[in-house]
Amino acid sequence: MLAVDGDSFAHRAYHALPKSIRGNMIVGVTNMLTRLWESERPDAVLVAWDTLEVPTYRHEAFDAYQSGRVFEDSLLEQLAVMPALTESLGLNVGKGAGYEADDFLAAAAHTWPGEVLVATSDRDAFQLASDRVTILQPTRGVSEISRIGPAQVRERYDPEQVPDLIALRGDPSDKLPGARGIGPKKAAELLNQYRTLEDVLAAGRFAAEAEDLRLYRRIAQMDASAPLPPLKHQTPTWAEASSFVRALGLTGLADRLASRA
């Protein structure tokens, strides 16, 4: 299975491609999905999306979570179209109130019985890496991809340590402050020494911050209980997607999709 962080690639496409390209996000994500399909030939594809209108338990547990994010109207307008575009391609859509795209990636990684490729630019997903799960991480816009398996993650820490690492070092993009005075390097050193956040706390470190750090770890942990749609083998419906984007006025993209049909 190919499990794609739709929001991650949508934001990358919007900022990587010129705004002069009409529907630059739609064009970029569609091209990316097409390239991934052709290069990997997966049995099934799940594209996961955030639900921005509804807070998750993370927002409710920590008021500052993801605060201060401001998106351009044109970005939000295109983002609103993306789940329907995914459906027009005949691909599975992971989206639900109270869950983030990351959670659907975790659910797919835990549910699919075979090999799983998780495509995302979010390093938090390194917690999913295993003998069965490989992370596909874009390294240049949305055009080049690196493959990250457990061996690559373990060059610095174990995959299961990723939520502990985030709790200790913090995550500026999500407004998680982490432990006072602890950066990425020191956080990794602590986990190499103590193995888990609980072991760090049991050693008497960060006593005044213990409950906050446990909360940050819970926030950083992907929720594999996200409700997946029925996962089935599939082939993209290029003709339907062509009609969909043509209705949006994206003639060039529509023609390219029609040629695949």
Protein backbone atom coordinates (compact mmCIF):
# COMPACT_ATOMS: atom_id res chain seq x y z
CA MET A 1 0.00 0.00 0.00
CA LEU A 2 1.04 3.57 -0.69
CA ALA A 3 -0.16 5.88 2.11
CA VAL A 4 0.23 9.56 1.25
CA ASP A 5 0.14 12.57 3.57
CA GLY A 6 -2.03 14.71 1.32
CA ASP A 7 -1.70 17.90 3.35
CA SER A 8 2.07 17.61 3.47
CA PHE A 9 2.38 17.33 -0.30
CA ALA A 10 -0.32 19.93 -0.92
CA HIS A 11 1.55 22.56 1.08
CA ARG A 12 4.86 21.67 -0.58
CA ALA A 13 3.30 21.91 -4.04
CA TYR A 14 1.64 25.25 -3.27
CA HIS A 15 4.91 26.82 -2.12
CA ALA A 16 7.22 25.06 -4.61
CA LEU A 17 5.33 25.87 -7.81
CA PRO A 18 4.87 29.44 -9.08
CA LYS A 19 1.62 31.11 -8.06
CA SER A 20 1.28 32.08 -11.73
CA ILE A 21 0.36 28.45 -12.44
CA ARG A 22 -3.39 28.23 -12.07
CA GLY A 23 -4.27 25.60 -9.49
CA ASN A 24 -0.58 25.09 -8.68
CA MET A 25 -1.39 22.89 -5.66
CA ILE A 26 -3.80 20.72 -7.64
CA VAL A 27 -1.33 20.37 -10.49
CA GLY A 28 1.60 19.59 -8.17
CA VAL A 29 -0.21 16.99 -6.07
CA THR A 30 -1.74 15.27 -9.11
CA ASN A 31 1.67 15.08 -10.78
CA MET A 32 3.19 13.70 -7.58
CA LEU A 33 0.49 11.02 -7.20
CA THR A 34 0.94 10.08 -10.83
CA ARG A 35 4.72 9.75 -10.45
CA LEU A 36 4.38 7.69 -7.28
CA TRP A 37 1.83 5.41 -8.90
CA GLU A 38 4.02 4.83 -11.95
CA SER A 39 7.23 4.27 -9.95
CA GLU A 40 5.82 2.09 -7.16
CA ARG A 41 2.79 0.35 -8.77
CA PRO A 42 1.08 -0.19 -5.39
CA ASP A 43 -1.86 -2.52 -4.92
CA ALA A 44 -3.77 0.27 -3.17
CA VAL A 45 -3.39 3.97 -2.36
CA LEU A 46 -4.66 5.91 0.64
CA VAL A 47 -4.39 9.70 0.57
CA ALA A 48 -4.89 11.23 4.02
CA TRP A 49 -6.15 14.73 4.82
CA ASP A 50 -6.53 16.94 7.88
CA THR A 51 -9.93 18.31 8.84
CA LEU A 52 -9.07 21.93 9.59
CA GLU A 53 -12.57 22.93 10.68
CA VAL A 54 -12.67 20.57 13.69
CA PRO A 55 -10.11 20.48 16.53
CA THR A 56 -8.45 17.20 17.47
CA TYR A 57 -7.78 15.94 20.97
CA ARG A 58 -4.33 17.48 20.56
CA HIS A 59 -5.80 20.97 20.22
CA GLU A 60 -8.10 20.37 23.18
CA ALA A 61 -5.29 19.02 25.39
CA PHE A 62 -2.81 21.82 24.59
CA ASP A 63 -4.19 25.25 23.70
CA ALA A 64 -1.03 26.40 21.93
CA TYR A 65 -0.93 23.37 19.60
CA GLN A 66 -0.46 24.57 16.00
CA SER A 67 -1.48 28.09 17.06
CA GLY A 68 -0.63 31.10 14.94
CA ARG A 69 -0.87 29.33 11.60
CA VAL A 70 -2.26 31.62 8.91
CA PHE A 71 -2.96 30.31 5.41
CA GLU A 72 -3.57 32.30 2.24
CA ASP A 73 -7.11 32.19 0.87
CA SER A 74 -5.89 30.67 -2.40
CA LEU A 75 -4.20 27.84 -0.49
CA LEU A 76 -7.35 27.07 1.50
CA GLU A 77 -9.52 27.21 -1.63
CA GLN A 78 -7.38 24.61 -3.38
CA LEU A 79 -6.98 22.50 -0.25
CA ALA A 80 -10.76 22.22 0.04
CA VAL A 81 -10.87 20.59 -3.41
CA MET A 82 -8.17 18.00 -2.77
CA PRO A 83 -10.20 15.17 -1.13
CA ALA A 84 -12.69 15.27 -4.02
CA LEU A 85 -9.79 15.23 -6.50
CA THR A 86 -8.43 12.16 -4.71
CA GLU A 87 -11.80 10.45 -5.03
CA SER A 88 -11.98 11.32 -8.74
CA LEU A 89 -8.69 9.47 -9.15
CA GLY A 90 -10.34 6.39 -7.64
CA LEU A 91 -8.04 6.41 -4.60
CA ASN A 92 -8.94 5.78 -0.96
CA VAL A 93 -9.45 8.93 1.12
CA GLY A 94 -8.51 9.10 4.79
CA LYS A 95 -10.28 12.02 6.43
CA GLY A 96 -12.33 12.41 9.58
CA ALA A 97 -13.24 14.94 12.25
CA GLY A 98 -10.88 14.81 15.21
CA TYR A 99 -8.04 13.14 13.30
CA GLU A 100 -5.04 14.44 11.40
CA ALA A 101 -3.61 13.04 8.19
CA ASP A 102 -0.76 11.51 10.23
CA ASP A 103 -3.22 9.37 12.14
CA PHE A 104 -4.55 7.78 8.96
CA LEU A 105 -0.99 7.01 7.86
CA ALA A 106 -0.43 5.21 11.17
CA ALA A 107 -3.71 3.33 10.81
CA ALA A 108 -2.77 2.20 7.30
CA ALA A 109 0.70 1.12 8.45
CA HIS A 110 -0.84 -0.96 11.25
CA THR A 111 -3.77 -2.37 9.25
CA TRP A 112 -2.42 -3.24 5.80
CA PRO A 113 -1.04 -6.81 5.93
CA GLY A 114 1.83 -6.28 3.49
CA GLU A 115 4.47 -3.70 2.66
CA VAL A 116 3.51 -0.06 3.25
CA LEU A 117 5.12 3.02 1.71
CA VAL A 118 4.36 6.21 3.67
CA ALA A 119 4.90 9.33 1.56
CA THR A 120 5.30 12.48 3.66
CA SER A 121 7.70 15.34 4.34
CA ASP A 122 6.91 15.17 8.08
CA ARG A 123 9.77 13.57 10.00
CA ASP A 124 7.31 12.64 12.76
CA ALA A 125 6.38 9.71 10.51
CA PHE A 126 9.80 8.16 11.17
CA GLN A 127 8.08 6.54 14.17
CA LEU A 128 6.31 4.24 11.67
CA ALA A 129 9.48 2.88 10.04
CA SER A 130 9.84 -0.88 10.35
CA ASP A 131 10.84 -3.94 8.37
CA ARG A 132 7.45 -3.59 6.64
CA VAL A 133 7.08 0.22 6.49
CA THR A 134 9.31 2.57 4.47
CA ILE A 135 9.03 6.37 4.52
CA LEU A 136 9.17 8.16 1.16
CA GLN A 137 10.41 11.66 1.95
CA PRO A 138 10.57 14.45 -0.67
CA THR A 139 13.99 16.10 -0.74
CA ARG A 140 13.51 18.70 -3.46
CA GLY A 141 10.10 20.27 -3.94
CA VAL A 142 7.86 17.33 -4.81
CA SER A 143 10.06 15.88 -7.53
CA GLU A 144 12.76 13.87 -5.69
CA ILE A 145 12.13 11.18 -3.07
CA SER A 146 14.38 9.54 -0.46
CA ARG A 147 13.56 6.15 1.02
CA ILE A 148 13.83 6.02 4.83
CA GLY A 149 13.70 2.63 6.53
CA PRO A 150 14.41 1.62 10.13
CA ALA A 151 18.15 1.38 9.44
CA GLN A 152 18.29 5.02 8.33
CA VAL A 153 16.29 6.16 11.37
CA ARG A 154 18.47 4.12 13.74
CA GLU A 155 21.55 6.03 12.61
CA ARG A 156 20.34 8.59 15.18
CA TYR A 157 17.59 6.92 17.26
CA ASP A 158 15.07 4.09 17.15
CA PRO A 159 11.72 4.65 15.36
CA GLU A 160 9.79 3.97 18.57
CA GLN A 161 11.77 6.77 20.26
CA VAL A 162 10.50 9.47 17.88
CA PRO A 163 7.56 10.65 20.07
CA ASP A 164 9.91 10.77 23.11
CA LEU A 165 12.41 12.77 21.05
CA ILE A 166 9.74 15.26 19.97
CA ALA A 167 8.56 15.65 23.56
CA LEU A 168 12.08 16.47 24.74
CA ARG A 169 13.30 18.69 21.89
CA GLY A 170 9.94 20.22 21.05
CA ASP A 171 8.41 20.91 17.65
CA PRO A 172 8.27 24.58 16.58
CA SER A 173 5.86 23.88 13.71
CA ASP A 174 3.30 22.44 16.17
CA LYS A 175 4.22 24.91 18.96
CA LEU A 176 5.42 22.16 21.30
CA PRO A 177 8.07 23.78 23.52
CA GLY A 178 9.86 20.62 24.67
CA ALA A 179 12.05 20.49 27.79
CA ARG A 180 13.76 23.71 28.85
CA GLY A 181 17.21 24.07 27.37
CA ILE A 182 17.05 20.83 25.37
CA GLY A 183 17.64 20.81 21.60
CA PRO A 184 17.63 17.96 19.09
CA LYS A 185 21.20 16.82 19.79
CA LYS A 186 20.83 16.74 23.57
CA ALA A 187 17.41 15.05 23.30
CA ALA A 188 18.95 12.28 21.18
CA GLU A 189 21.81 11.90 23.68
CA LEU A 190 19.34 11.53 26.56
CA LEU A 191 17.40 8.84 24.73
CA ASN A 192 20.57 6.99 23.80
CA GLN A 193 21.41 6.97 27.51
CA TYR A 194 17.98 6.31 29.04
CA ARG A 195 16.03 4.80 26.06
CA THR A 196 12.59 6.34 26.86
CA LEU A 197 11.10 9.55 28.19
CA GLU A 198 9.76 7.64 31.19
CA ASP A 199 13.26 6.41 31.96
CA VAL A 200 14.57 9.98 31.71
CA LEU A 201 11.91 11.14 34.17
CA ALA A 202 12.53 8.17 36.49
CA ALA A 203 16.17 9.25 36.69
CA GLY A 204 15.01 12.52 38.22
CA ARG A 205 15.41 14.71 35.16
CA PHE A 206 12.84 17.45 34.39
CA ALA A 207 10.74 16.72 37.49
CA ALA A 208 8.94 20.07 37.30
CA GLU A 209 8.06 19.48 33.64
CA ALA A 210 7.22 15.78 33.78
CA GLU A 211 3.49 16.00 33.11
CA ASP A 212 3.96 18.55 30.33
CA LEU A 213 6.53 16.30 28.65
CA ARG A 214 4.18 13.31 28.90
CA LEU A 215 1.49 15.42 27.22
CA TYR A 216 3.86 16.46 24.42
CA ARG A 217 4.72 12.81 23.85
CA ARG A 218 1.03 11.89 23.62
CA ILE A 219 0.49 14.69 21.11
CA ALA A 220 3.45 13.51 19.01
CA GLN A 221 2.25 9.90 18.95
CA MET A 222 0.31 9.07 15.80
CA ASP A 223 -3.13 7.62 16.50
CA ALA A 224 -3.51 4.32 14.65
CA SER A 225 -7.17 4.10 15.64
CA ALA A 226 -8.17 6.58 12.90
CA PRO A 227 -11.18 5.14 10.98
CA LEU A 228 -9.99 3.90 7.62
CA PRO A 229 -12.24 3.36 4.60
CA PRO A 230 -12.43 -0.21 3.27
CA LEU A 231 -9.00 -0.76 1.73
CA LYS A 232 -9.15 -2.50 -1.62
CA HIS A 233 -6.91 -3.03 -4.61
CA GLN A 234 -7.39 -0.32 -7.19
CA THR A 235 -6.25 1.30 -10.41
CA PRO A 236 -6.49 5.08 -10.85
CA THR A 237 -9.52 6.31 -12.77
CA TRP A 238 -7.66 8.74 -15.03
CA ALA A 239 -10.67 9.61 -17.19
CA GLU A 240 -12.81 10.64 -14.22
CA ALA A 241 -9.96 12.72 -12.80
CA SER A 242 -9.50 14.34 -16.20
CA SER A 243 -13.14 15.41 -16.25
CA PHE A 244 -12.87 16.68 -12.68
CA VAL A 245 -9.89 18.97 -13.26
CA ARG A 246 -11.21 20.10 -16.65
CA ALA A 247 -14.28 21.42 -14.83
CA LEU A 248 -11.86 23.46 -12.71
CA GLY A 249 -10.40 25.03 -15.84
CA LEU A 250 -7.12 23.09 -15.69
CA THR A 251 -7.07 22.05 -19.33
CA GLY A 252 -3.41 21.08 -19.57
CA LEU A 253 -3.61 18.79 -16.55
CA ALA A 254 -6.90 17.36 -17.83
CA ASP A 255 -5.30 16.50 -21.16
CA ARG A 256 -2.37 14.76 -19.47
CA LEU A 257 -4.71 12.66 -17.33
CA ALA A 258 -6.89 11.84 -20.35
CA SER A 259 -3.82 10.55 -22.20
CA ARG A 260 -3.24 8.05 -19.39
CA ALA A 261 -6.81 6.81 -19.69
